[in-house]
Amino acid sequence: MRTRTLQLLALTLAMAGAGLSVAVHAATPVLAPGEWHYESQVTYRSGMMNGRSMHNDWKVCVKPQDTQPPMPIPHAPGVHCDPPTLVVAGGAWHTTLSCTAESQGMVTKMVDRFVITPSADNRRVVIDGTVHQSFSGGPVALPSSVMSLHTTGERIGPCGPAK
């Protein structure tokens, strides 16, 4: 049960990193305003879930007035995240998010690193990243793990009506 909870927290952080990527683009003139469709493939590398993969897709409306990215930090008891970093280099954004989660004596440390590369026409983006996770404390020793995330996004048209 505890392992499943930690896996869900790690996936939440991975998706939060992708959310940060979307928000960072929304806060710059690089992505065209409108509705964007994202598809993401997450692959796990660890002793417990080696090679397991999960696919997600979602839509986001990027509005012209979106100037501040939301903080993609999970709000859960026992979770502390440092402010995310953003560096522009080589035509891409490089982000890092570090978090520590503590639950029942077990400490989980996670470091998310993402590279966000927009297309020349401002209508596509590729987000590649990793979530490194390590565990200490707790009744059972757990192996470190790495989740690899590959996300593609494409503007699909104007934003639809608010739901």
N, C-alpha and C. Protein backbone atom coordinates (compact mmCIF):
# COMPACT_ATOMS: atom_id res chain seq x y z
N MET A 1 0.82 -1.19 0.00
CA MET A 1 0.00 0.00 0.00
C MET A 1 0.86 1.25 0.00
N ARG A 2 1.89 1.29 0.86
CA ARG A 2 2.74 2.45 0.93
C ARG A 2 3.51 2.64 -0.38
N THR A 3 3.96 1.54 -0.99
CA THR A 3 4.67 1.64 -2.26
C THR A 3 3.76 2.23 -3.32
N ARG A 4 2.51 1.81 -3.37
CA ARG A 4 1.55 2.33 -4.35
C ARG A 4 1.35 3.83 -4.14
N THR A 5 1.23 4.25 -2.87
CA THR A 5 1.08 5.68 -2.57
C THR A 5 2.28 6.46 -3.06
N LEU A 6 3.48 5.96 -2.83
CA LEU A 6 4.68 6.66 -3.28
C LEU A 6 4.76 6.71 -4.80
N GLN A 7 4.34 5.62 -5.46
CA GLN A 7 4.34 5.62 -6.92
C GLN A 7 3.38 6.66 -7.45
N LEU A 8 2.19 6.77 -6.84
CA LEU A 8 1.22 7.77 -7.27
C LEU A 8 1.75 9.18 -7.03
N LEU A 9 2.44 9.40 -5.89
CA LEU A 9 3.02 10.70 -5.63
C LEU A 9 4.08 11.03 -6.68
N ALA A 10 4.91 10.06 -7.02
CA ALA A 10 5.95 10.29 -8.03
C ALA A 10 5.32 10.60 -9.38
N LEU A 11 4.26 9.88 -9.75
CA LEU A 11 3.59 10.16 -11.02
C LEU A 11 2.97 11.54 -10.99
N THR A 12 2.40 11.92 -9.86
CA THR A 12 1.83 13.27 -9.71
C THR A 12 2.91 14.31 -9.94
N LEU A 13 4.10 14.10 -9.37
CA LEU A 13 5.19 15.04 -9.57
C LEU A 13 5.64 15.08 -11.02
N ALA A 14 5.67 13.92 -11.68
CA ALA A 14 6.05 13.87 -13.09
C ALA A 14 5.06 14.66 -13.93
N MET A 15 3.78 14.47 -13.67
CA MET A 15 2.77 15.19 -14.42
C MET A 15 2.78 16.67 -14.06
N ALA A 16 3.12 16.98 -12.80
CA ALA A 16 3.25 18.37 -12.41
C ALA A 16 4.38 19.03 -13.19
N GLY A 17 5.46 18.30 -13.38
CA GLY A 17 6.56 18.83 -14.20
C GLY A 17 6.10 19.11 -15.61
N ALA A 18 5.30 18.25 -16.16
CA ALA A 18 4.73 18.49 -17.49
C ALA A 18 3.82 19.70 -17.45
N GLY A 19 3.05 19.83 -16.37
CA GLY A 19 2.18 20.99 -16.22
C GLY A 19 2.97 22.27 -16.14
N LEU A 20 4.10 22.23 -15.46
CA LEU A 20 4.98 23.39 -15.40
C LEU A 20 5.44 23.73 -16.80
N SER A 21 5.77 22.74 -17.58
CA SER A 21 6.23 22.99 -18.93
C SER A 21 5.16 23.71 -19.74
N VAL A 22 3.93 23.26 -19.63
CA VAL A 22 2.83 23.91 -20.33
C VAL A 22 2.70 25.33 -19.84
N ALA A 23 2.72 25.54 -18.53
CA ALA A 23 2.53 26.86 -17.98
C ALA A 23 3.66 27.80 -18.35
N VAL A 24 4.89 27.30 -18.36
CA VAL A 24 6.02 28.14 -18.72
C VAL A 24 5.84 28.64 -20.15
N HIS A 25 5.42 27.76 -21.05
CA HIS A 25 5.18 28.20 -22.41
C HIS A 25 4.04 29.19 -22.47
N ALA A 26 2.99 28.97 -21.68
CA ALA A 26 1.86 29.87 -21.69
C ALA A 26 2.27 31.26 -21.23
N ALA A 27 3.30 31.35 -20.40
CA ALA A 27 3.75 32.62 -19.87
C ALA A 27 4.71 33.33 -20.82
N THR A 28 5.03 32.76 -21.95
CA THR A 28 5.93 33.36 -22.91
C THR A 28 5.22 33.48 -24.25
N PRO A 29 5.76 34.27 -25.18
CA PRO A 29 5.10 34.39 -26.49
C PRO A 29 5.40 33.22 -27.43
N VAL A 30 5.99 32.14 -26.93
CA VAL A 30 6.42 31.05 -27.81
C VAL A 30 5.27 30.17 -28.28
N LEU A 31 4.34 29.83 -27.38
CA LEU A 31 3.22 29.00 -27.81
C LEU A 31 2.05 29.88 -28.22
N ALA A 32 1.40 29.51 -29.30
CA ALA A 32 0.24 30.25 -29.77
C ALA A 32 -0.93 30.02 -28.82
N PRO A 33 -1.67 31.08 -28.47
CA PRO A 33 -2.86 30.88 -27.63
C PRO A 33 -3.85 29.96 -28.33
N GLY A 34 -4.59 29.22 -27.54
CA GLY A 34 -5.60 28.31 -28.07
C GLY A 34 -5.60 27.02 -27.29
N GLU A 35 -6.36 26.04 -27.79
CA GLU A 35 -6.43 24.75 -27.13
C GLU A 35 -5.30 23.87 -27.62
N TRP A 36 -4.64 23.24 -26.66
CA TRP A 36 -3.51 22.36 -26.93
C TRP A 36 -3.85 20.95 -26.48
N HIS A 37 -3.43 19.99 -27.26
CA HIS A 37 -3.60 18.58 -26.91
C HIS A 37 -2.22 18.01 -26.62
N TYR A 38 -2.10 17.35 -25.46
CA TYR A 38 -0.84 16.76 -25.05
C TYR A 38 -1.00 15.25 -24.91
N GLU A 39 0.02 14.52 -25.33
CA GLU A 39 0.09 13.07 -25.12
C GLU A 39 1.42 12.78 -24.45
N SER A 40 1.36 11.91 -23.42
CA SER A 40 2.54 11.64 -22.63
C SER A 40 2.70 10.14 -22.42
N GLN A 41 3.93 9.68 -22.50
CA GLN A 41 4.28 8.29 -22.21
C GLN A 41 5.28 8.31 -21.06
N VAL A 42 4.93 7.63 -19.96
CA VAL A 42 5.81 7.53 -18.80
C VAL A 42 6.28 6.09 -18.70
N THR A 43 7.61 5.90 -18.62
CA THR A 43 8.19 4.56 -18.49
C THR A 43 9.00 4.51 -17.19
N TYR A 44 8.79 3.44 -16.43
CA TYR A 44 9.46 3.26 -15.14
C TYR A 44 10.69 2.39 -15.29
N ARG A 45 11.76 2.75 -14.56
CA ARG A 45 12.96 1.92 -14.47
C ARG A 45 13.30 1.77 -13.00
N SER A 46 12.97 0.61 -12.45
CA SER A 46 13.30 0.32 -11.06
C SER A 46 13.18 -1.17 -10.85
N GLY A 47 13.63 -1.64 -9.69
CA GLY A 47 13.51 -3.05 -9.38
C GLY A 47 12.07 -3.51 -9.30
N MET A 48 11.17 -2.63 -8.87
CA MET A 48 9.78 -3.02 -8.67
C MET A 48 8.94 -2.94 -9.94
N MET A 49 9.18 -1.95 -10.77
CA MET A 49 8.30 -1.71 -11.92
C MET A 49 9.08 -1.56 -13.22
N ASN A 50 10.22 -2.19 -13.33
CA ASN A 50 11.10 -1.99 -14.47
C ASN A 50 10.36 -2.25 -15.79
N GLY A 51 10.40 -1.26 -16.67
CA GLY A 51 9.83 -1.40 -18.00
C GLY A 51 8.34 -1.13 -18.08
N ARG A 52 7.68 -0.93 -16.97
CA ARG A 52 6.24 -0.65 -16.99
C ARG A 52 6.01 0.73 -17.57
N SER A 53 4.93 0.87 -18.33
CA SER A 53 4.70 2.11 -19.05
C SER A 53 3.24 2.55 -18.89
N MET A 54 3.01 3.86 -18.95
CA MET A 54 1.66 4.40 -18.85
C MET A 54 1.50 5.56 -19.83
N HIS A 55 0.35 5.64 -20.48
CA HIS A 55 0.06 6.69 -21.45
C HIS A 55 -1.03 7.60 -20.89
N ASN A 56 -0.86 8.90 -21.07
CA ASN A 56 -1.86 9.89 -20.65
C ASN A 56 -2.04 10.90 -21.77
N ASP A 57 -3.23 11.47 -21.86
CA ASP A 57 -3.42 12.60 -22.75
C ASP A 57 -4.40 13.57 -22.10
N TRP A 58 -4.25 14.85 -22.43
CA TRP A 58 -5.08 15.88 -21.85
C TRP A 58 -5.06 17.11 -22.75
N LYS A 59 -5.99 18.02 -22.49
CA LYS A 59 -6.08 19.27 -23.24
C LYS A 59 -5.93 20.44 -22.27
N VAL A 60 -5.32 21.51 -22.77
CA VAL A 60 -5.10 22.71 -21.99
C VAL A 60 -5.43 23.91 -22.87
N CYS A 61 -6.14 24.87 -22.28
CA CYS A 61 -6.42 26.12 -23.00
C CYS A 61 -5.37 27.14 -22.58
N VAL A 62 -4.57 27.59 -23.54
CA VAL A 62 -3.57 28.63 -23.30
C VAL A 62 -4.21 29.95 -23.73
N LYS A 63 -4.44 30.83 -22.76
CA LYS A 63 -5.09 32.11 -23.03
C LYS A 63 -4.04 33.21 -23.20
N PRO A 64 -4.32 34.23 -24.01
CA PRO A 64 -3.34 35.31 -24.20
C PRO A 64 -2.97 36.00 -22.89
N GLN A 65 -3.88 36.09 -21.94
CA GLN A 65 -3.59 36.78 -20.68
C GLN A 65 -2.85 35.90 -19.67
N ASP A 66 -2.60 34.63 -19.98
CA ASP A 66 -1.85 33.77 -19.06
C ASP A 66 -0.41 34.25 -19.00
N THR A 67 -0.06 34.92 -17.89
CA THR A 67 1.30 35.45 -17.79
C THR A 67 2.10 34.82 -16.66
N GLN A 68 1.43 34.25 -15.67
CA GLN A 68 2.14 33.63 -14.56
C GLN A 68 1.85 32.13 -14.54
N PRO A 69 2.89 31.31 -14.54
CA PRO A 69 2.64 29.87 -14.47
C PRO A 69 2.14 29.48 -13.09
N PRO A 70 1.16 28.56 -13.03
CA PRO A 70 0.75 28.06 -11.72
C PRO A 70 1.87 27.22 -11.12
N MET A 71 1.94 27.17 -9.81
CA MET A 71 2.96 26.35 -9.16
C MET A 71 2.54 24.88 -9.26
N PRO A 72 3.33 24.06 -9.93
CA PRO A 72 2.96 22.65 -10.11
C PRO A 72 3.42 21.78 -8.96
N ILE A 73 3.26 22.26 -7.76
CA ILE A 73 3.77 21.54 -6.59
C ILE A 73 2.60 20.86 -5.89
N PRO A 74 2.71 19.57 -5.66
CA PRO A 74 1.61 18.87 -4.99
C PRO A 74 1.40 19.40 -3.58
N HIS A 75 0.15 19.57 -3.22
CA HIS A 75 -0.19 20.04 -1.87
C HIS A 75 -0.70 18.85 -1.08
N ALA A 76 0.21 18.16 -0.44
CA ALA A 76 -0.14 16.99 0.36
C ALA A 76 0.64 17.07 1.67
N PRO A 77 0.07 16.54 2.73
CA PRO A 77 0.79 16.55 4.01
C PRO A 77 2.14 15.85 3.87
N GLY A 78 3.17 16.47 4.43
CA GLY A 78 4.49 15.86 4.43
C GLY A 78 5.30 16.06 3.16
N VAL A 79 4.78 16.82 2.18
CA VAL A 79 5.50 17.06 0.93
C VAL A 79 6.07 18.48 0.94
N HIS A 80 7.37 18.59 0.68
CA HIS A 80 8.03 19.90 0.57
C HIS A 80 8.76 19.95 -0.75
N CYS A 81 8.50 21.01 -1.54
CA CYS A 81 9.18 21.18 -2.82
C CYS A 81 9.89 22.51 -2.85
N ASP A 82 11.11 22.51 -3.40
CA ASP A 82 11.82 23.75 -3.63
C ASP A 82 11.19 24.44 -4.83
N PRO A 83 11.31 25.76 -4.94
CA PRO A 83 10.77 26.43 -6.11
C PRO A 83 11.42 25.87 -7.39
N PRO A 84 10.63 25.68 -8.44
CA PRO A 84 11.20 25.14 -9.68
C PRO A 84 12.17 26.15 -10.31
N THR A 85 13.14 25.62 -11.04
CA THR A 85 14.07 26.49 -11.77
C THR A 85 13.75 26.43 -13.26
N LEU A 86 14.12 27.46 -13.99
CA LEU A 86 13.90 27.53 -15.42
C LEU A 86 15.11 28.23 -16.05
N VAL A 87 15.74 27.55 -17.00
CA VAL A 87 16.88 28.11 -17.71
C VAL A 87 16.61 27.95 -19.20
N VAL A 88 16.86 29.00 -19.98
CA VAL A 88 16.72 28.92 -21.43
C VAL A 88 18.10 28.70 -22.02
N ALA A 89 18.25 27.64 -22.82
CA ALA A 89 19.53 27.32 -23.46
C ALA A 89 19.27 26.52 -24.72
N GLY A 90 19.98 26.85 -25.77
CA GLY A 90 19.90 26.08 -27.01
C GLY A 90 18.50 26.02 -27.61
N GLY A 91 17.72 27.09 -27.47
CA GLY A 91 16.38 27.12 -28.04
C GLY A 91 15.36 26.30 -27.26
N ALA A 92 15.70 25.86 -26.05
CA ALA A 92 14.78 25.06 -25.24
C ALA A 92 14.80 25.56 -23.80
N TRP A 93 13.76 25.21 -23.06
CA TRP A 93 13.69 25.50 -21.64
C TRP A 93 14.13 24.25 -20.88
N HIS A 94 14.88 24.48 -19.82
CA HIS A 94 15.34 23.39 -18.95
C HIS A 94 14.79 23.69 -17.56
N THR A 95 13.96 22.78 -17.03
CA THR A 95 13.36 22.98 -15.71
C THR A 95 13.80 21.89 -14.75
N THR A 96 13.85 22.24 -13.48
CA THR A 96 14.16 21.28 -12.41
C THR A 96 13.21 21.55 -11.26
N LEU A 97 12.66 20.46 -10.69
CA LEU A 97 11.81 20.55 -9.51
C LEU A 97 12.27 19.47 -8.54
N SER A 98 12.60 19.88 -7.31
CA SER A 98 13.05 18.93 -6.28
C SER A 98 12.04 18.92 -5.13
N CYS A 99 11.63 17.71 -4.73
CA CYS A 99 10.66 17.56 -3.65
C CYS A 99 11.09 16.45 -2.70
N THR A 100 10.66 16.58 -1.46
CA THR A 100 10.85 15.55 -0.45
C THR A 100 9.49 15.27 0.17
N ALA A 101 9.15 13.99 0.25
CA ALA A 101 7.89 13.58 0.88
C ALA A 101 8.21 12.68 2.06
N GLU A 102 7.52 12.93 3.17
CA GLU A 102 7.75 12.12 4.36
C GLU A 102 6.43 11.55 4.83
N SER A 103 6.42 10.23 5.06
CA SER A 103 5.21 9.56 5.51
C SER A 103 5.59 8.35 6.37
N GLN A 104 5.13 8.33 7.57
CA GLN A 104 5.32 7.22 8.49
C GLN A 104 6.79 6.79 8.59
N GLY A 105 7.69 7.76 8.69
CA GLY A 105 9.11 7.47 8.85
C GLY A 105 9.87 7.23 7.56
N MET A 106 9.17 7.10 6.42
CA MET A 106 9.85 6.91 5.14
C MET A 106 10.00 8.26 4.44
N VAL A 107 11.18 8.53 3.94
CA VAL A 107 11.45 9.77 3.23
C VAL A 107 11.69 9.43 1.76
N THR A 108 10.97 10.10 0.89
CA THR A 108 11.13 9.94 -0.55
C THR A 108 11.66 11.25 -1.10
N LYS A 109 12.77 11.18 -1.83
CA LYS A 109 13.33 12.36 -2.49
C LYS A 109 13.14 12.20 -3.98
N MET A 110 12.63 13.26 -4.62
CA MET A 110 12.37 13.23 -6.06
C MET A 110 12.98 14.46 -6.71
N VAL A 111 13.63 14.24 -7.84
CA VAL A 111 14.16 15.34 -8.63
C VAL A 111 13.64 15.16 -10.05
N ASP A 112 12.84 16.14 -10.50
CA ASP A 112 12.30 16.14 -11.86
C ASP A 112 13.16 17.07 -12.71
N ARG A 113 13.54 16.60 -13.88
CA ARG A 113 14.28 17.44 -14.84
C ARG A 113 13.61 17.30 -16.20
N PHE A 114 13.28 18.45 -16.82
CA PHE A 114 12.60 18.45 -18.10
C PHE A 114 13.26 19.40 -19.07
N VAL A 115 13.23 19.03 -20.35
CA VAL A 115 13.67 19.90 -21.43
C VAL A 115 12.46 20.11 -22.33
N ILE A 116 12.08 21.37 -22.55
CA ILE A 116 10.91 21.72 -23.33
C ILE A 116 11.38 22.40 -24.61
N THR A 117 11.07 21.78 -25.74
CA THR A 117 11.54 22.29 -27.03
C THR A 117 10.35 22.66 -27.91
N PRO A 118 10.15 23.96 -28.18
CA PRO A 118 9.06 24.37 -29.05
C PRO A 118 9.45 24.24 -30.52
N SER A 119 8.44 24.12 -31.37
CA SER A 119 8.70 24.10 -32.82
C SER A 119 8.86 25.53 -33.33
N ALA A 120 9.39 25.66 -34.52
CA ALA A 120 9.62 26.97 -35.12
C ALA A 120 8.31 27.71 -35.39
N ASP A 121 7.22 26.97 -35.64
CA ASP A 121 5.94 27.62 -35.96
C ASP A 121 5.06 27.88 -34.73
N ASN A 122 5.58 27.64 -33.52
CA ASN A 122 4.89 27.92 -32.26
C ASN A 122 3.65 27.07 -32.04
N ARG A 123 3.46 25.98 -32.78
CA ARG A 123 2.24 25.18 -32.68
C ARG A 123 2.49 23.75 -32.21
N ARG A 124 3.73 23.43 -31.88
CA ARG A 124 4.07 22.11 -31.37
C ARG A 124 5.15 22.26 -30.30
N VAL A 125 5.18 21.29 -29.41
CA VAL A 125 6.20 21.29 -28.37
C VAL A 125 6.51 19.84 -28.01
N VAL A 126 7.77 19.60 -27.67
CA VAL A 126 8.20 18.29 -27.18
C VAL A 126 8.78 18.51 -25.80
N ILE A 127 8.35 17.67 -24.85
CA ILE A 127 8.82 17.75 -23.48
C ILE A 127 9.41 16.39 -23.12
N ASP A 128 10.69 16.37 -22.80
CA ASP A 128 11.35 15.14 -22.37
C ASP A 128 11.89 15.36 -20.97
N GLY A 129 11.74 14.35 -20.12
CA GLY A 129 12.23 14.52 -18.77
C GLY A 129 12.35 13.23 -18.00
N THR A 130 12.88 13.38 -16.80
CA THR A 130 13.04 12.24 -15.91
C THR A 130 12.65 12.65 -14.49
N VAL A 131 12.19 11.67 -13.73
CA VAL A 131 11.95 11.84 -12.31
C VAL A 131 12.81 10.79 -11.61
N HIS A 132 13.82 11.26 -10.88
CA HIS A 132 14.68 10.37 -10.09
C HIS A 132 14.11 10.32 -8.68
N GLN A 133 13.97 9.11 -8.16
CA GLN A 133 13.33 8.92 -6.87
C GLN A 133 14.21 8.02 -6.01
N SER A 134 14.42 8.43 -4.76
CA SER A 134 15.16 7.58 -3.82
C SER A 134 14.39 7.54 -2.50
N PHE A 135 14.60 6.45 -1.76
CA PHE A 135 13.85 6.20 -0.54
C PHE A 135 14.80 5.94 0.61
N SER A 136 14.43 6.40 1.81
CA SER A 136 15.19 6.07 3.01
C SER A 136 14.20 5.95 4.17
N GLY A 137 14.64 5.24 5.22
CA GLY A 137 13.76 5.02 6.36
C GLY A 137 12.70 3.98 6.01
N GLY A 138 11.77 3.82 6.89
CA GLY A 138 10.69 2.86 6.64
C GLY A 138 11.12 1.44 6.97
N PRO A 139 10.16 0.54 7.04
CA PRO A 139 10.45 -0.83 7.46
C PRO A 139 11.14 -1.68 6.40
N VAL A 140 11.03 -1.31 5.13
CA VAL A 140 11.58 -2.12 4.04
C VAL A 140 12.44 -1.23 3.14
N ALA A 141 13.62 -1.71 2.76
CA ALA A 141 14.47 -0.96 1.84
C ALA A 141 13.88 -1.05 0.44
N LEU A 142 13.70 0.11 -0.19
CA LEU A 142 13.17 0.16 -1.56
C LEU A 142 14.26 0.64 -2.50
N PRO A 143 14.32 0.08 -3.71
CA PRO A 143 15.34 0.51 -4.67
C PRO A 143 14.99 1.89 -5.24
N SER A 144 16.01 2.62 -5.64
CA SER A 144 15.80 3.88 -6.33
C SER A 144 15.09 3.61 -7.64
N SER A 145 14.44 4.62 -8.18
CA SER A 145 13.75 4.45 -9.45
C SER A 145 13.91 5.70 -10.30
N VAL A 146 13.68 5.51 -11.59
CA VAL A 146 13.69 6.61 -12.55
C VAL A 146 12.47 6.45 -13.44
N MET A 147 11.72 7.53 -13.60
CA MET A 147 10.63 7.55 -14.55
C MET A 147 11.05 8.46 -15.69
N SER A 148 10.91 7.97 -16.91
CA SER A 148 11.18 8.78 -18.10
C SER A 148 9.85 9.24 -18.67
N LEU A 149 9.78 10.52 -19.03
CA LEU A 149 8.56 11.10 -19.55
C LEU A 149 8.84 11.70 -20.92
N HIS A 150 8.02 11.33 -21.89
CA HIS A 150 8.10 11.93 -23.23
C HIS A 150 6.70 12.44 -23.56
N THR A 151 6.60 13.75 -23.77
CA THR A 151 5.31 14.38 -24.04
C THR A 151 5.40 15.19 -25.31
N THR A 152 4.36 15.10 -26.13
CA THR A 152 4.24 15.96 -27.30
C THR A 152 2.97 16.77 -27.15
N GLY A 153 3.01 18.00 -27.60
CA GLY A 153 1.84 18.87 -27.56
C GLY A 153 1.66 19.56 -28.88
N GLU A 154 0.40 19.79 -29.23
CA GLU A 154 0.09 20.45 -30.49
C GLU A 154 -1.14 21.33 -30.31
N ARG A 155 -1.06 22.54 -30.87
CA ARG A 155 -2.23 23.43 -30.84
C ARG A 155 -3.26 22.85 -31.79
N ILE A 156 -4.51 22.69 -31.30
CA ILE A 156 -5.55 22.06 -32.12
C ILE A 156 -6.65 23.02 -32.53
N GLY A 157 -6.60 24.26 -32.07
CA GLY A 157 -7.61 25.24 -32.47
C GLY A 157 -7.88 26.23 -31.35
N PRO A 158 -8.94 27.02 -31.51
CA PRO A 158 -9.27 27.96 -30.44
C PRO A 158 -9.80 27.23 -29.22
N CYS A 159 -9.72 27.88 -28.08
CA CYS A 159 -10.23 27.29 -26.84
C CYS A 159 -11.74 27.15 -26.94
N GLY A 160 -12.24 26.03 -26.43
CA GLY A 160 -13.68 25.78 -26.41
C GLY A 160 -14.33 26.51 -25.26
N PRO A 161 -15.65 26.37 -25.12
CA PRO A 161 -16.35 27.00 -24.01
C PRO A 161 -15.89 26.44 -22.67
N ALA A 162 -15.87 27.29 -21.67
CA ALA A 162 -15.44 26.86 -20.32
C ALA A 162 -16.43 25.84 -19.80
N LYS A 163 -15.88 24.82 -19.12
CA LYS A 163 -16.73 23.77 -18.55
C LYS A 163 -16.79 23.88 -17.07
